[in-house]
Amino acid sequence: MRNKRTTGVRNDLLSKVPQVTIAFWVIKILATTLGETGGDALSMTLQLGYLVSTMIFLGFFIVTLAAQVSSKRYHPAFYWP
């Protein structure tokens, strides 16, 4: 038998995870493609190099990760950038 506190904590954690649907997979594929294209654009087209391009994307990742982790519930805008 589960107590209310354990169930409440579990539901809070699950509320920050998006439901896996067809939209999830479409967005995941588009995000991967966009990430690779963005990386190529910065490193090759703008000639910033791999290290600088990696640092730019790593910074963006850390900012969006911090926003998602610090939020109290799931926000698509924090999860999908």
C-alpha atoms as a PDB file:
ATOM      1  CA  MET A   1       0.000   0.000   0.000  1.00  0.00           C
ATOM      2  CA  ARG A   2       1.428   3.363  -1.028  1.00  0.00           C
ATOM      3  CA  ASN A   3       1.179   6.366   1.199  1.00  0.00           C
ATOM      4  CA  LYS A   4       0.069   9.754  -0.104  1.00  0.00           C
ATOM      5  CA  ARG A   5       3.519  11.312   0.258  1.00  0.00           C
ATOM      6  CA  THR A   6       5.256   8.681  -1.906  1.00  0.00           C
ATOM      7  CA  THR A   7       2.516   8.815  -4.527  1.00  0.00           C
ATOM      8  CA  GLY A   8       2.592  12.623  -4.539  1.00  0.00           C
ATOM      9  CA  VAL A   9       6.368  12.728  -5.042  1.00  0.00           C
ATOM     10  CA  ARG A  10       6.134  10.147  -7.824  1.00  0.00           C
ATOM     11  CA  ASN A  11       3.378  12.110  -9.571  1.00  0.00           C
ATOM     12  CA  ASP A  12       5.409  15.339  -9.265  1.00  0.00           C
ATOM     13  CA  LEU A  13       8.382  13.669 -10.958  1.00  0.00           C
ATOM     14  CA  LEU A  14       6.252  12.169 -13.709  1.00  0.00           C
ATOM     15  CA  SER A  15       4.519  15.489 -14.361  1.00  0.00           C
ATOM     16  CA  LYS A  16       7.831  16.868 -15.702  1.00  0.00           C
ATOM     17  CA  VAL A  17       8.151  14.116 -18.329  1.00  0.00           C
ATOM     18  CA  PRO A  18       6.372  14.575 -21.664  1.00  0.00           C
ATOM     19  CA  GLN A  19       3.952  11.941 -22.848  1.00  0.00           C
ATOM     20  CA  VAL A  20       5.504   9.829 -25.595  1.00  0.00           C
ATOM     21  CA  THR A  21       3.328  10.250 -28.664  1.00  0.00           C
ATOM     22  CA  ILE A  22       3.884  10.499 -32.395  1.00  0.00           C
ATOM     23  CA  ALA A  23       4.457  14.235 -31.878  1.00  0.00           C
ATOM     24  CA  PHE A  24       7.296  13.360 -29.476  1.00  0.00           C
ATOM     25  CA  TRP A  25       9.084  11.326 -32.151  1.00  0.00           C
ATOM     26  CA  VAL A  26       8.529  13.942 -34.864  1.00  0.00           C
ATOM     27  CA  ILE A  27       9.952  16.676 -32.628  1.00  0.00           C
ATOM     28  CA  LYS A  28      12.855  14.440 -31.569  1.00  0.00           C
ATOM     29  CA  ILE A  29      13.838  13.766 -35.180  1.00  0.00           C
ATOM     30  CA  LEU A  30      13.475  17.429 -36.123  1.00  0.00           C
ATOM     31  CA  ALA A  31      15.523  18.523 -33.096  1.00  0.00           C
ATOM     32  CA  THR A  32      18.320  16.098 -33.963  1.00  0.00           C
ATOM     33  CA  THR A  33      18.379  17.290 -37.561  1.00  0.00           C
ATOM     34  CA  LEU A  34      18.293  20.934 -36.502  1.00  0.00           C
ATOM     35  CA  GLY A  35      21.114  20.339 -34.013  1.00  0.00           C
ATOM     36  CA  GLU A  36      23.344  18.791 -36.636  1.00  0.00           C
ATOM     37  CA  THR A  37      22.527  21.505 -39.156  1.00  0.00           C
ATOM     38  CA  GLY A  38      23.124  24.234 -36.569  1.00  0.00           C
ATOM     39  CA  GLY A  39      26.446  22.687 -35.601  1.00  0.00           C
ATOM     40  CA  ASP A  40      27.561  22.560 -39.223  1.00  0.00           C
ATOM     41  CA  ALA A  41      26.396  26.140 -39.798  1.00  0.00           C
ATOM     42  CA  LEU A  42      28.422  27.463 -36.877  1.00  0.00           C
ATOM     43  CA  SER A  43      31.530  25.359 -37.317  1.00  0.00           C
ATOM     44  CA  MET A  44      31.855  25.276 -41.100  1.00  0.00           C
ATOM     45  CA  THR A  45      29.766  28.035 -42.677  1.00  0.00           C
ATOM     46  CA  LEU A  46      30.633  30.698 -40.089  1.00  0.00           C
ATOM     47  CA  GLN A  47      34.077  29.130 -39.665  1.00  0.00           C
ATOM     48  CA  LEU A  48      33.972  29.266 -35.862  1.00  0.00           C
ATOM     49  CA  GLY A  49      35.524  25.821 -35.513  1.00  0.00           C
ATOM     50  CA  TYR A  50      34.340  22.776 -33.629  1.00  0.00           C
ATOM     51  CA  LEU A  51      35.448  23.906 -30.169  1.00  0.00           C
ATOM     52  CA  VAL A  52      33.680  27.281 -30.267  1.00  0.00           C
ATOM     53  CA  SER A  53      30.560  25.734 -31.821  1.00  0.00           C
ATOM     54  CA  THR A  54      30.516  23.039 -29.157  1.00  0.00           C
ATOM     55  CA  MET A  55      30.810  25.645 -26.398  1.00  0.00           C
ATOM     56  CA  ILE A  56      27.908  27.664 -27.861  1.00  0.00           C
ATOM     57  CA  PHE A  57      25.639  24.620 -28.010  1.00  0.00           C
ATOM     58  CA  LEU A  58      26.806  23.397 -24.591  1.00  0.00           C
ATOM     59  CA  GLY A  59      25.941  26.793 -23.099  1.00  0.00           C
ATOM     60  CA  PHE A  60      22.487  26.677 -24.685  1.00  0.00           C
ATOM     61  CA  PHE A  61      22.005  23.127 -23.385  1.00  0.00           C
ATOM     62  CA  ILE A  62      23.012  24.092 -19.826  1.00  0.00           C
ATOM     63  CA  VAL A  63      20.620  27.069 -19.778  1.00  0.00           C
ATOM     64  CA  THR A  64      17.659  24.997 -20.995  1.00  0.00           C
ATOM     65  CA  LEU A  65      18.566  22.106 -18.671  1.00  0.00           C
ATOM     66  CA  ALA A  66      18.676  24.445 -15.676  1.00  0.00           C
ATOM     67  CA  ALA A  67      15.279  25.883 -16.623  1.00  0.00           C
ATOM     68  CA  GLN A  68      13.697  22.420 -16.903  1.00  0.00           C
ATOM     69  CA  VAL A  69      15.224  21.057 -13.699  1.00  0.00           C
ATOM     70  CA  SER A  70      14.290  24.127 -11.661  1.00  0.00           C
ATOM     71  CA  SER A  71      10.672  24.178 -12.862  1.00  0.00           C
ATOM     72  CA  LYS A  72       8.005  22.692 -10.621  1.00  0.00           C
ATOM     73  CA  ARG A  73       6.181  20.937 -13.463  1.00  0.00           C
ATOM     74  CA  TYR A  74       6.548  20.093 -17.143  1.00  0.00           C
ATOM     75  CA  HIS A  75       6.745  23.084 -19.506  1.00  0.00           C
ATOM     76  CA  PRO A  76       7.124  22.220 -23.210  1.00  0.00           C
ATOM     77  CA  ALA A  77       9.000  25.478 -23.839  1.00  0.00           C
ATOM     78  CA  PHE A  78      11.749  24.379 -21.414  1.00  0.00           C
ATOM     79  CA  TYR A  79      11.893  20.814 -22.683  1.00  0.00           C
ATOM     80  CA  TRP A  80      12.009  21.203 -26.466  1.00  0.00           C
ATOM     81  CA  PRO A  81      14.379  24.092 -27.329  1.00  0.00           C
END
